[in-house]
């Protein structure tokens, strides 16, 4: 998304002109904070700062902090992403089971624990689909970058599973083995540079960025939870390269004259400071060479 900043200036001849900086501003994601095991309603995370403090109406609860009051944790959403800031002196804040003392970068699907309350970062609107798209055999053979499913915790922590073929999740015969499960519970398809999650067992819940889905298209950075303590991150090469390049593109300045005014032609400006320095150096050299004996 492209936006602009306009600044009006006066030149040395009194004519006004406009200087426009065109800036590529990345579109911010629409994120929401869910409370799975609590009576709290969902909290939309708008651009800017969202501050949470203790809720006096609950034994263990959080609420939006009022202006001027002290908060426990702050959520900041900007062009860099979603950041979690822990106030000084607050302990017991965890993200995906790991303690956070000051600052952490969050993604959709992250689980946060604070004051005994579990929160999950999700996406507004949901991602559930109705049916798988039809893939042609010719397009499936086209050479494409191979996405990777990387384990974030559990027995597959740090393990990278390339999605070169359909990935199966379930019992002992699956690629991702879930303890105490039998048969194939879910599959991940990768064709035509698209990655799809399909849950085969209707009684088994799969969390996509904190939301239970049975069928959904996956994107770069999505987090999947197939069981408690089993969390995976999808890394799709090239999926976020264009967005990153747009966000890091430098601003360009364009000058436009105000209507009714003609800008004067460019004139060569005398470097007075440089000339003064040369003249001072010549004067000192002359004094040293022709000084009074």
C-alpha atoms as a PDB file:
ATOM      1  CA  UNK A   1       0.000   0.000   0.000  1.00  0.00           C
ATOM      2  CA  UNK A   2       1.479   3.318  -1.109  1.00  0.00           C
ATOM      3  CA  UNK A   3       0.950   6.599   0.737  1.00  0.00           C
ATOM      4  CA  UNK A   4       2.488  10.056   0.515  1.00  0.00           C
ATOM      5  CA  UNK A   5       3.672  12.922   2.699  1.00  0.00           C
ATOM      6  CA  UNK A   6       3.299  16.444   1.284  1.00  0.00           C
ATOM      7  CA  UNK A   7       5.375  19.383   2.605  1.00  0.00           C
ATOM      8  CA  UNK A   8       5.025  22.925   1.221  1.00  0.00           C
ATOM      9  CA  UNK A   9       8.204  25.018   1.086  1.00  0.00           C
ATOM     10  CA  UNK A  10       9.265  28.490  -0.121  1.00  0.00           C
ATOM     11  CA  UNK A  11      12.333  28.873  -2.281  1.00  0.00           C
ATOM     12  CA  UNK A  12      14.715  31.846  -2.279  1.00  0.00           C
ATOM     13  CA  UNK A  13      12.598  33.683  -4.902  1.00  0.00           C
ATOM     14  CA  UNK A  14       9.400  33.514  -2.816  1.00  0.00           C
ATOM     15  CA  UNK A  15       7.695  30.862  -4.937  1.00  0.00           C
ATOM     16  CA  UNK A  16       6.015  27.969  -3.118  1.00  0.00           C
ATOM     17  CA  UNK A  17       6.482  24.373  -4.169  1.00  0.00           C
ATOM     18  CA  UNK A  18       5.342  21.019  -2.863  1.00  0.00           C
ATOM     19  CA  UNK A  19       7.690  18.201  -1.960  1.00  0.00           C
ATOM     20  CA  UNK A  20       6.080  14.782  -1.876  1.00  0.00           C
ATOM     21  CA  UNK A  21       7.602  11.691  -0.281  1.00  0.00           C
ATOM     22  CA  UNK A  22       6.033   8.505  -1.579  1.00  0.00           C
ATOM     23  CA  UNK A  23       6.287   5.783   1.044  1.00  0.00           C
ATOM     24  CA  UNK A  24       5.322   2.148   0.619  1.00  0.00           C
ATOM     25  CA  UNK A  25       3.464   1.288   3.828  1.00  0.00           C
ATOM     26  CA  UNK A  26       2.881  -2.445   4.383  1.00  0.00           C
ATOM     27  CA  UNK A  27      -0.674  -3.411   5.232  1.00  0.00           C
ATOM     28  CA  UNK A  28      -0.946  -4.383   8.886  1.00  0.00           C
ATOM     29  CA  UNK A  29      -2.496  -7.762   9.720  1.00  0.00           C
ATOM     30  CA  UNK A  30      -5.871  -7.869  11.452  1.00  0.00           C
ATOM     31  CA  UNK A  31      -5.071  -9.674  14.686  1.00  0.00           C
ATOM     32  CA  UNK A  32      -7.183 -10.526  17.709  1.00  0.00           C
ATOM     33  CA  UNK A  33      -6.417 -11.734  21.228  1.00  0.00           C
ATOM     34  CA  UNK A  34      -8.492 -14.740  22.319  1.00  0.00           C
ATOM     35  CA  UNK A  35      -8.966 -16.131  25.855  1.00  0.00           C
ATOM     36  CA  UNK A  36      -9.672 -19.861  25.352  1.00  0.00           C
ATOM     37  CA  UNK A  37     -10.307 -20.872  28.986  1.00  0.00           C
ATOM     38  CA  UNK A  38     -11.730 -17.671  30.407  1.00  0.00           C
ATOM     39  CA  UNK A  39     -14.850 -15.516  30.359  1.00  0.00           C
ATOM     40  CA  UNK A  40     -13.038 -12.627  28.714  1.00  0.00           C
ATOM     41  CA  UNK A  41     -14.366 -11.543  25.334  1.00  0.00           C
ATOM     42  CA  UNK A  42     -11.961 -11.382  22.390  1.00  0.00           C
ATOM     43  CA  UNK A  43      -9.777  -8.273  22.234  1.00  0.00           C
ATOM     44  CA  UNK A  44      -9.027  -6.800  18.762  1.00  0.00           C
ATOM     45  CA  UNK A  45      -5.424  -5.630  18.478  1.00  0.00           C
ATOM     46  CA  UNK A  46      -5.556  -2.340  16.617  1.00  0.00           C
ATOM     47  CA  UNK A  47      -2.452  -0.516  15.289  1.00  0.00           C
ATOM     48  CA  UNK A  48      -0.728   1.152  18.190  1.00  0.00           C
ATOM     49  CA  UNK A  49      -0.594   0.135  21.842  1.00  0.00           C
ATOM     50  CA  UNK A  50      -2.999  -2.171  23.705  1.00  0.00           C
ATOM     51  CA  UNK A  51      -2.303  -2.286  27.470  1.00  0.00           C
ATOM     52  CA  UNK A  52      -3.592  -4.939  29.885  1.00  0.00           C
ATOM     53  CA  UNK A  53      -3.774  -4.856  33.689  1.00  0.00           C
ATOM     54  CA  UNK A  54      -5.402  -6.928  36.447  1.00  0.00           C
ATOM     55  CA  UNK A  55      -9.193  -7.176  36.403  1.00  0.00           C
ATOM     56  CA  UNK A  56     -10.660  -6.668  39.927  1.00  0.00           C
ATOM     57  CA  UNK A  57     -13.873  -8.507  38.949  1.00  0.00           C
ATOM     58  CA  UNK A  58     -12.054 -11.828  38.423  1.00  0.00           C
ATOM     59  CA  UNK A  59      -9.807 -13.836  40.702  1.00  0.00           C
ATOM     60  CA  UNK A  60      -7.472 -14.341  37.748  1.00  0.00           C
ATOM     61  CA  UNK A  61      -8.276 -11.969  34.960  1.00  0.00           C
ATOM     62  CA  UNK A  62      -7.008  -9.154  32.783  1.00  0.00           C
ATOM     63  CA  UNK A  63      -8.629  -6.027  31.420  1.00  0.00           C
ATOM     64  CA  UNK A  64      -7.697  -3.087  29.201  1.00  0.00           C
ATOM     65  CA  UNK A  65      -5.722  -0.609  31.293  1.00  0.00           C
ATOM     66  CA  UNK A  66      -7.122   2.896  31.655  1.00  0.00           C
ATOM     67  CA  UNK A  67      -5.159   5.947  30.600  1.00  0.00           C
ATOM     68  CA  UNK A  68      -2.503   6.729  33.181  1.00  0.00           C
ATOM     69  CA  UNK A  69      -2.798   3.423  35.069  1.00  0.00           C
ATOM     70  CA  UNK A  70      -0.018   0.865  35.327  1.00  0.00           C
ATOM     71  CA  UNK A  71      -0.179  -2.117  32.991  1.00  0.00           C
ATOM     72  CA  UNK A  72       1.247  -5.622  33.261  1.00  0.00           C
ATOM     73  CA  UNK A  73       1.801  -6.335  29.582  1.00  0.00           C
ATOM     74  CA  UNK A  74       1.539  -4.189  26.450  1.00  0.00           C
ATOM     75  CA  UNK A  75       0.852  -5.244  22.863  1.00  0.00           C
ATOM     76  CA  UNK A  76       2.260  -2.954  20.152  1.00  0.00           C
ATOM     77  CA  UNK A  77       1.167  -3.487  16.524  1.00  0.00           C
ATOM     78  CA  UNK A  78       3.074  -1.561  13.857  1.00  0.00           C
ATOM     79  CA  UNK A  79       4.777  -2.107  10.496  1.00  0.00           C
ATOM     80  CA  UNK A  80       7.409  -4.330  12.142  1.00  0.00           C
ATOM     81  CA  UNK A  81       4.813  -6.747  13.520  1.00  0.00           C
ATOM     82  CA  UNK A  82       3.219  -7.461  16.892  1.00  0.00           C
ATOM     83  CA  UNK A  83       5.402  -6.926  19.955  1.00  0.00           C
ATOM     84  CA  UNK A  84       4.827  -7.941  23.571  1.00  0.00           C
ATOM     85  CA  UNK A  85       6.313  -5.717  26.267  1.00  0.00           C
ATOM     86  CA  UNK A  86       6.427  -6.895  29.871  1.00  0.00           C
ATOM     87  CA  UNK A  87       6.368  -4.178  32.516  1.00  0.00           C
ATOM     88  CA  UNK A  88       9.279  -3.902  34.915  1.00  0.00           C
ATOM     89  CA  UNK A  89       8.918  -6.152  37.956  1.00  0.00           C
ATOM     90  CA  UNK A  90       6.292  -8.431  36.347  1.00  0.00           C
ATOM     91  CA  UNK A  91       7.217 -12.118  36.396  1.00  0.00           C
ATOM     92  CA  UNK A  92       5.541 -15.280  35.184  1.00  0.00           C
ATOM     93  CA  UNK A  93       4.866 -14.182  31.575  1.00  0.00           C
ATOM     94  CA  UNK A  94       5.428 -16.994  29.069  1.00  0.00           C
ATOM     95  CA  UNK A  95       5.137 -17.216  25.265  1.00  0.00           C
ATOM     96  CA  UNK A  96       4.783 -20.768  23.947  1.00  0.00           C
ATOM     97  CA  UNK A  97       6.080 -22.065  27.271  1.00  0.00           C
ATOM     98  CA  UNK A  98       9.181 -19.859  27.330  1.00  0.00           C
ATOM     99  CA  UNK A  99       9.596 -17.057  29.890  1.00  0.00           C
ATOM    100  CA  UNK A 100       9.695 -13.462  28.654  1.00  0.00           C
ATOM    101  CA  UNK A 101      11.354 -10.815  30.827  1.00  0.00           C
ATOM    102  CA  UNK A 102      11.060  -7.695  28.696  1.00  0.00           C
ATOM    103  CA  UNK A 103      10.244  -7.915  24.972  1.00  0.00           C
ATOM    104  CA  UNK A 104       9.120 -10.561  22.474  1.00  0.00           C
ATOM    105  CA  UNK A 105       8.005 -10.584  18.835  1.00  0.00           C
ATOM    106  CA  UNK A 106       4.669 -12.367  18.440  1.00  0.00           C
ATOM    107  CA  UNK A 107       3.068 -14.162  15.505  1.00  0.00           C
ATOM    108  CA  UNK A 108      -0.422 -15.410  14.854  1.00  0.00           C
ATOM    109  CA  UNK A 109      -0.898 -18.648  16.769  1.00  0.00           C
ATOM    110  CA  UNK A 110       1.401 -17.791  19.692  1.00  0.00           C
ATOM    111  CA  UNK A 111       0.150 -18.771  23.151  1.00  0.00           C
ATOM    112  CA  UNK A 112       0.726 -16.305  26.010  1.00  0.00           C
ATOM    113  CA  UNK A 113       0.320 -16.935  29.749  1.00  0.00           C
ATOM    114  CA  UNK A 114       0.112 -14.070  32.240  1.00  0.00           C
ATOM    115  CA  UNK A 115      -1.393 -14.013  35.751  1.00  0.00           C
ATOM    116  CA  UNK A 116      -2.727 -17.541  35.227  1.00  0.00           C
ATOM    117  CA  UNK A 117      -4.659 -16.499  32.098  1.00  0.00           C
ATOM    118  CA  UNK A 118      -4.006 -18.092  28.712  1.00  0.00           C
ATOM    119  CA  UNK A 119      -4.224 -15.868  25.627  1.00  0.00           C
ATOM    120  CA  UNK A 120      -3.813 -16.756  21.990  1.00  0.00           C
ATOM    121  CA  UNK A 121      -2.989 -14.436  19.086  1.00  0.00           C
ATOM    122  CA  UNK A 122      -5.346 -15.141  16.183  1.00  0.00           C
ATOM    123  CA  UNK A 123      -6.606 -13.585  12.976  1.00  0.00           C
ATOM    124  CA  UNK A 124      -9.914 -11.808  12.528  1.00  0.00           C
ATOM    125  CA  UNK A 125     -12.379 -13.379  10.138  1.00  0.00           C
ATOM    126  CA  UNK A 126     -11.114 -16.958  10.223  1.00  0.00           C
ATOM    127  CA  UNK A 127      -9.433 -19.058   7.547  1.00  0.00           C
ATOM    128  CA  UNK A 128     -11.701 -22.097   7.241  1.00  0.00           C
ATOM    129  CA  UNK A 129     -12.476 -23.284   3.684  1.00  0.00           C
ATOM    130  CA  UNK A 130     -15.213 -25.518   2.257  1.00  0.00           C
ATOM    131  CA  UNK A 131     -13.361 -27.791  -0.182  1.00  0.00           C
ATOM    132  CA  UNK A 132      -9.942 -28.462  -1.661  1.00  0.00           C
ATOM    133  CA  UNK A 133      -9.161 -26.882  -5.053  1.00  0.00           C
ATOM    134  CA  UNK A 134      -8.688 -29.102  -8.087  1.00  0.00           C
ATOM    135  CA  UNK A 135      -4.981 -29.585  -8.861  1.00  0.00           C
ATOM    136  CA  UNK A 136      -3.899 -30.635 -12.351  1.00  0.00           C
ATOM    137  CA  UNK A 137      -1.157 -33.232 -12.742  1.00  0.00           C
ATOM    138  CA  UNK A 138       0.899 -31.063 -15.134  1.00  0.00           C
ATOM    139  CA  UNK A 139       1.030 -28.098 -12.764  1.00  0.00           C
ATOM    140  CA  UNK A 140       1.867 -30.324  -9.827  1.00  0.00           C
ATOM    141  CA  UNK A 141       5.136 -31.341 -11.522  1.00  0.00           C
ATOM    142  CA  UNK A 142       6.278 -27.720 -12.041  1.00  0.00           C
ATOM    143  CA  UNK A 143       9.427 -26.802 -10.178  1.00  0.00           C
ATOM    144  CA  UNK A 144       8.545 -24.721  -7.116  1.00  0.00           C
ATOM    145  CA  UNK A 145      10.338 -23.809  -3.869  1.00  0.00           C
ATOM    146  CA  UNK A 146       9.619 -26.466  -1.260  1.00  0.00           C
ATOM    147  CA  UNK A 147       7.851 -25.227   1.897  1.00  0.00           C
ATOM    148  CA  UNK A 148       9.009 -26.592   5.227  1.00  0.00           C
ATOM    149  CA  UNK A 149       7.083 -27.463   8.378  1.00  0.00           C
ATOM    150  CA  UNK A 150       9.362 -26.797  11.352  1.00  0.00           C
ATOM    151  CA  UNK A 151       8.770 -28.130  14.842  1.00  0.00           C
ATOM    152  CA  UNK A 152       8.613 -25.483  17.566  1.00  0.00           C
ATOM    153  CA  UNK A 153       8.118 -27.732  20.587  1.00  0.00           C
ATOM    154  CA  UNK A 154       7.483 -31.322  21.542  1.00  0.00           C
ATOM    155  CA  UNK A 155       9.338 -34.361  20.216  1.00  0.00           C
ATOM    156  CA  UNK A 156       9.893 -32.700  16.818  1.00  0.00           C
ATOM    157  CA  UNK A 157      11.421 -29.506  18.223  1.00  0.00           C
ATOM    158  CA  UNK A 158      13.859 -28.122  15.628  1.00  0.00           C
ATOM    159  CA  UNK A 159      12.992 -30.794  13.068  1.00  0.00           C
ATOM    160  CA  UNK A 160      12.302 -29.605   9.493  1.00  0.00           C
ATOM    161  CA  UNK A 161       9.784 -31.556   7.427  1.00  0.00           C
ATOM    162  CA  UNK A 162       9.914 -30.618   3.696  1.00  0.00           C
ATOM    163  CA  UNK A 163       6.505 -30.675   2.022  1.00  0.00           C
ATOM    164  CA  UNK A 164       7.696 -32.439  -1.129  1.00  0.00           C
ATOM    165  CA  UNK A 165       4.682 -34.752  -0.910  1.00  0.00           C
ATOM    166  CA  UNK A 166       1.520 -35.089   1.133  1.00  0.00           C
ATOM    167  CA  UNK A 167       2.448 -34.979   4.815  1.00  0.00           C
ATOM    168  CA  UNK A 168       0.406 -37.257   7.087  1.00  0.00           C
ATOM    169  CA  UNK A 169      -0.319 -36.672  10.776  1.00  0.00           C
ATOM    170  CA  UNK A 170      -1.608 -39.331  13.135  1.00  0.00           C
ATOM    171  CA  UNK A 171      -0.536 -42.791  14.312  1.00  0.00           C
ATOM    172  CA  UNK A 172       2.685 -44.738  13.942  1.00  0.00           C
ATOM    173  CA  UNK A 173       2.537 -44.861  10.133  1.00  0.00           C
ATOM    174  CA  UNK A 174       2.320 -41.063   9.795  1.00  0.00           C
ATOM    175  CA  UNK A 175       5.111 -38.560   9.172  1.00  0.00           C
ATOM    176  CA  UNK A 176       4.183 -36.683  12.349  1.00  0.00           C
ATOM    177  CA  UNK A 177       3.354 -39.196  15.065  1.00  0.00           C
ATOM    178  CA  UNK A 178       0.926 -38.122  17.791  1.00  0.00           C
ATOM    179  CA  UNK A 179       1.044 -40.095  21.036  1.00  0.00           C
ATOM    180  CA  UNK A 180      -2.014 -42.255  21.674  1.00  0.00           C
ATOM    181  CA  UNK A 181      -3.514 -41.765  18.189  1.00  0.00           C
ATOM    182  CA  UNK A 182      -4.411 -44.397  15.605  1.00  0.00           C
ATOM    183  CA  UNK A 183      -4.698 -43.980  11.845  1.00  0.00           C
ATOM    184  CA  UNK A 184      -4.288 -40.813   9.818  1.00  0.00           C
ATOM    185  CA  UNK A 185      -5.959 -37.779  11.428  1.00  0.00           C
ATOM    186  CA  UNK A 186      -4.882 -34.973   9.065  1.00  0.00           C
ATOM    187  CA  UNK A 187      -2.926 -34.298   5.897  1.00  0.00           C
ATOM    188  CA  UNK A 188      -0.994 -31.351   4.467  1.00  0.00           C
ATOM    189  CA  UNK A 189      -1.007 -31.026   0.683  1.00  0.00           C
ATOM    190  CA  UNK A 190       1.442 -28.896  -1.312  1.00  0.00           C
ATOM    191  CA  UNK A 191       0.707 -28.399  -5.011  1.00  0.00           C
ATOM    192  CA  UNK A 192       0.911 -25.458  -7.407  1.00  0.00           C
ATOM    193  CA  UNK A 193       2.770 -23.457  -4.745  1.00  0.00           C
ATOM    194  CA  UNK A 194      -0.280 -23.775  -2.474  1.00  0.00           C
ATOM    195  CA  UNK A 195      -0.293 -25.488   0.918  1.00  0.00           C
ATOM    196  CA  UNK A 196      -3.547 -26.902   2.282  1.00  0.00           C
ATOM    197  CA  UNK A 197      -4.458 -28.471   5.615  1.00  0.00           C
ATOM    198  CA  UNK A 198      -7.126 -31.184   5.568  1.00  0.00           C
ATOM    199  CA  UNK A 199      -8.422 -32.817   8.753  1.00  0.00           C
ATOM    200  CA  UNK A 200      -9.702 -36.332   8.024  1.00  0.00           C
ATOM    201  CA  UNK A 201     -10.969 -37.203  11.515  1.00  0.00           C
ATOM    202  CA  UNK A 202     -13.872 -34.907  12.403  1.00  0.00           C
ATOM    203  CA  UNK A 203     -13.424 -35.681  16.102  1.00  0.00           C
ATOM    204  CA  UNK A 204      -9.836 -34.396  16.169  1.00  0.00           C
ATOM    205  CA  UNK A 205      -9.187 -30.665  16.493  1.00  0.00           C
ATOM    206  CA  UNK A 206      -6.307 -28.962  14.705  1.00  0.00           C
ATOM    207  CA  UNK A 207      -5.500 -25.384  15.690  1.00  0.00           C
ATOM    208  CA  UNK A 208      -4.470 -22.944  12.952  1.00  0.00           C
ATOM    209  CA  UNK A 209      -3.173 -19.763  14.620  1.00  0.00           C
ATOM    210  CA  UNK A 210      -5.365 -20.564  17.624  1.00  0.00           C
ATOM    211  CA  UNK A 211      -8.500 -21.345  15.583  1.00  0.00           C
ATOM    212  CA  UNK A 212      -9.957 -24.840  15.117  1.00  0.00           C
ATOM    213  CA  UNK A 213     -10.243 -25.640  11.404  1.00  0.00           C
ATOM    214  CA  UNK A 214     -11.032 -28.715   9.327  1.00  0.00           C
ATOM    215  CA  UNK A 215      -9.845 -27.358   5.967  1.00  0.00           C
ATOM    216  CA  UNK A 216      -7.784 -24.230   5.255  1.00  0.00           C
ATOM    217  CA  UNK A 217      -5.105 -22.850   2.964  1.00  0.00           C
ATOM    218  CA  UNK A 218      -1.849 -22.243   4.809  1.00  0.00           C
ATOM    219  CA  UNK A 219       0.441 -19.234   4.492  1.00  0.00           C
ATOM    220  CA  UNK A 220       3.993 -18.407   5.386  1.00  0.00           C
ATOM    221  CA  UNK A 221       4.327 -17.962   9.157  1.00  0.00           C
ATOM    222  CA  UNK A 222       1.208 -19.972  10.107  1.00  0.00           C
ATOM    223  CA  UNK A 223       1.364 -22.030  13.288  1.00  0.00           C
ATOM    224  CA  UNK A 224      -0.287 -25.435  13.573  1.00  0.00           C
ATOM    225  CA  UNK A 225      -1.057 -27.273  16.816  1.00  0.00           C
ATOM    226  CA  UNK A 226      -2.052 -30.909  16.249  1.00  0.00           C
ATOM    227  CA  UNK A 227      -2.088 -31.805  19.964  1.00  0.00           C
ATOM    228  CA  UNK A 228      -1.123 -30.231  23.314  1.00  0.00           C
ATOM    229  CA  UNK A 229       2.626 -29.692  23.296  1.00  0.00           C
ATOM    230  CA  UNK A 230       2.866 -30.216  19.527  1.00  0.00           C
ATOM    231  CA  UNK A 231       3.334 -26.970  17.594  1.00  0.00           C
ATOM    232  CA  UNK A 232       4.708 -26.414  14.083  1.00  0.00           C
ATOM    233  CA  UNK A 233       5.585 -23.369  11.956  1.00  0.00           C
ATOM    234  CA  UNK A 234       5.142 -23.207   8.179  1.00  0.00           C
ATOM    235  CA  UNK A 235       8.053 -21.646   6.317  1.00  0.00           C
ATOM    236  CA  UNK A 236       7.298 -21.013   2.638  1.00  0.00           C
ATOM    237  CA  UNK A 237      10.288 -19.673   0.620  1.00  0.00           C
ATOM    238  CA  UNK A 238       9.464 -16.604  -1.423  1.00  0.00           C
ATOM    239  CA  UNK A 239       6.006 -16.081   0.086  1.00  0.00           C
ATOM    240  CA  UNK A 240       7.029 -13.016   2.105  1.00  0.00           C
ATOM    241  CA  UNK A 241       9.893 -11.748  -0.091  1.00  0.00           C
ATOM    242  CA  UNK A 242       7.755  -9.311  -2.057  1.00  0.00           C
ATOM    243  CA  UNK A 243       6.117  -7.889   1.077  1.00  0.00           C
ATOM    244  CA  UNK A 244       9.502  -7.491   2.751  1.00  0.00           C
ATOM    245  CA  UNK A 245      10.949  -5.745  -0.307  1.00  0.00           C
ATOM    246  CA  UNK A 246       7.985  -3.364  -0.420  1.00  0.00           C
ATOM    247  CA  UNK A 247       8.365  -2.562   3.276  1.00  0.00           C
ATOM    248  CA  UNK A 248      12.107  -1.896   2.944  1.00  0.00           C
ATOM    249  CA  UNK A 249      11.843   0.151  -0.278  1.00  0.00           C
ATOM    250  CA  UNK A 250      13.269   3.628   0.403  1.00  0.00           C
ATOM    251  CA  UNK A 251      11.034   6.655   0.153  1.00  0.00           C
ATOM    252  CA  UNK A 252      11.228   8.701  -3.020  1.00  0.00           C
ATOM    253  CA  UNK A 253      10.856  12.463  -3.064  1.00  0.00           C
ATOM    254  CA  UNK A 254       9.013  14.222  -5.898  1.00  0.00           C
ATOM    255  CA  UNK A 255       8.829  18.011  -6.093  1.00  0.00           C
ATOM    256  CA  UNK A 256       5.775  19.583  -7.694  1.00  0.00           C
ATOM    257  CA  UNK A 257       5.329  23.352  -8.125  1.00  0.00           C
ATOM    258  CA  UNK A 258       2.218  25.046  -6.836  1.00  0.00           C
ATOM    259  CA  UNK A 259      -0.257  26.106  -9.502  1.00  0.00           C
ATOM    260  CA  UNK A 260       0.484  29.559 -10.912  1.00  0.00           C
ATOM    261  CA  UNK A 261       4.175  29.582  -9.979  1.00  0.00           C
ATOM    262  CA  UNK A 262       7.119  28.679 -12.163  1.00  0.00           C
ATOM    263  CA  UNK A 263      10.232  27.506 -10.450  1.00  0.00           C
ATOM    264  CA  UNK A 264      13.415  29.413 -11.494  1.00  0.00           C
ATOM    265  CA  UNK A 265      16.144  27.553 -13.376  1.00  0.00           C
ATOM    266  CA  UNK A 266      18.808  25.884 -11.278  1.00  0.00           C
ATOM    267  CA  UNK A 267      21.726  28.236 -10.522  1.00  0.00           C
ATOM    268  CA  UNK A 268      25.239  27.323  -9.535  1.00  0.00           C
ATOM    269  CA  UNK A 269      25.768  28.190  -5.869  1.00  0.00           C
ATOM    270  CA  UNK A 270      29.133  29.552  -4.696  1.00  0.00           C
ATOM    271  CA  UNK A 271      30.707  27.436  -1.925  1.00  0.00           C
ATOM    272  CA  UNK A 272      31.363  30.387   0.408  1.00  0.00           C
ATOM    273  CA  UNK A 273      32.591  28.234   3.269  1.00  0.00           C
ATOM    274  CA  UNK A 274      35.190  26.546   1.074  1.00  0.00           C
ATOM    275  CA  UNK A 275      36.381  29.900  -0.337  1.00  0.00           C
ATOM    276  CA  UNK A 276      36.687  31.366   3.173  1.00  0.00           C
ATOM    277  CA  UNK A 277      38.775  28.394   4.300  1.00  0.00           C
ATOM    278  CA  UNK A 278      41.096  28.746   1.277  1.00  0.00           C
ATOM    279  CA  UNK A 279      41.495  32.492   1.865  1.00  0.00           C
ATOM    280  CA  UNK A 280      42.310  31.958   5.558  1.00  0.00           C
ATOM    281  CA  UNK A 281      44.890  29.315   4.701  1.00  0.00           C
ATOM    282  CA  UNK A 282      46.523  31.607   2.116  1.00  0.00           C
ATOM    283  CA  UNK A 283      46.667  34.483   4.631  1.00  0.00           C
ATOM    284  CA  UNK A 284      48.355  32.301   7.253  1.00  0.00           C
ATOM    285  CA  UNK A 285      50.837  30.985   4.690  1.00  0.00           C
ATOM    286  CA  UNK A 286      51.692  34.536   3.626  1.00  0.00           C
ATOM    287  CA  UNK A 287      52.247  35.630   7.226  1.00  0.00           C
ATOM    288  CA  UNK A 288      54.574  32.700   7.859  1.00  0.00           C
ATOM    289  CA  UNK A 289      56.534  33.256   4.652  1.00  0.00           C
ATOM    290  CA  UNK A 290      56.692  37.054   4.537  1.00  0.00           C
ATOM    291  CA  UNK A 291      56.425  37.708   8.253  1.00  0.00           C
ATOM    292  CA  UNK A 292      58.270  40.537  10.037  1.00  0.00           C
ATOM    293  CA  UNK A 293      61.884  39.614  10.715  1.00  0.00           C
END
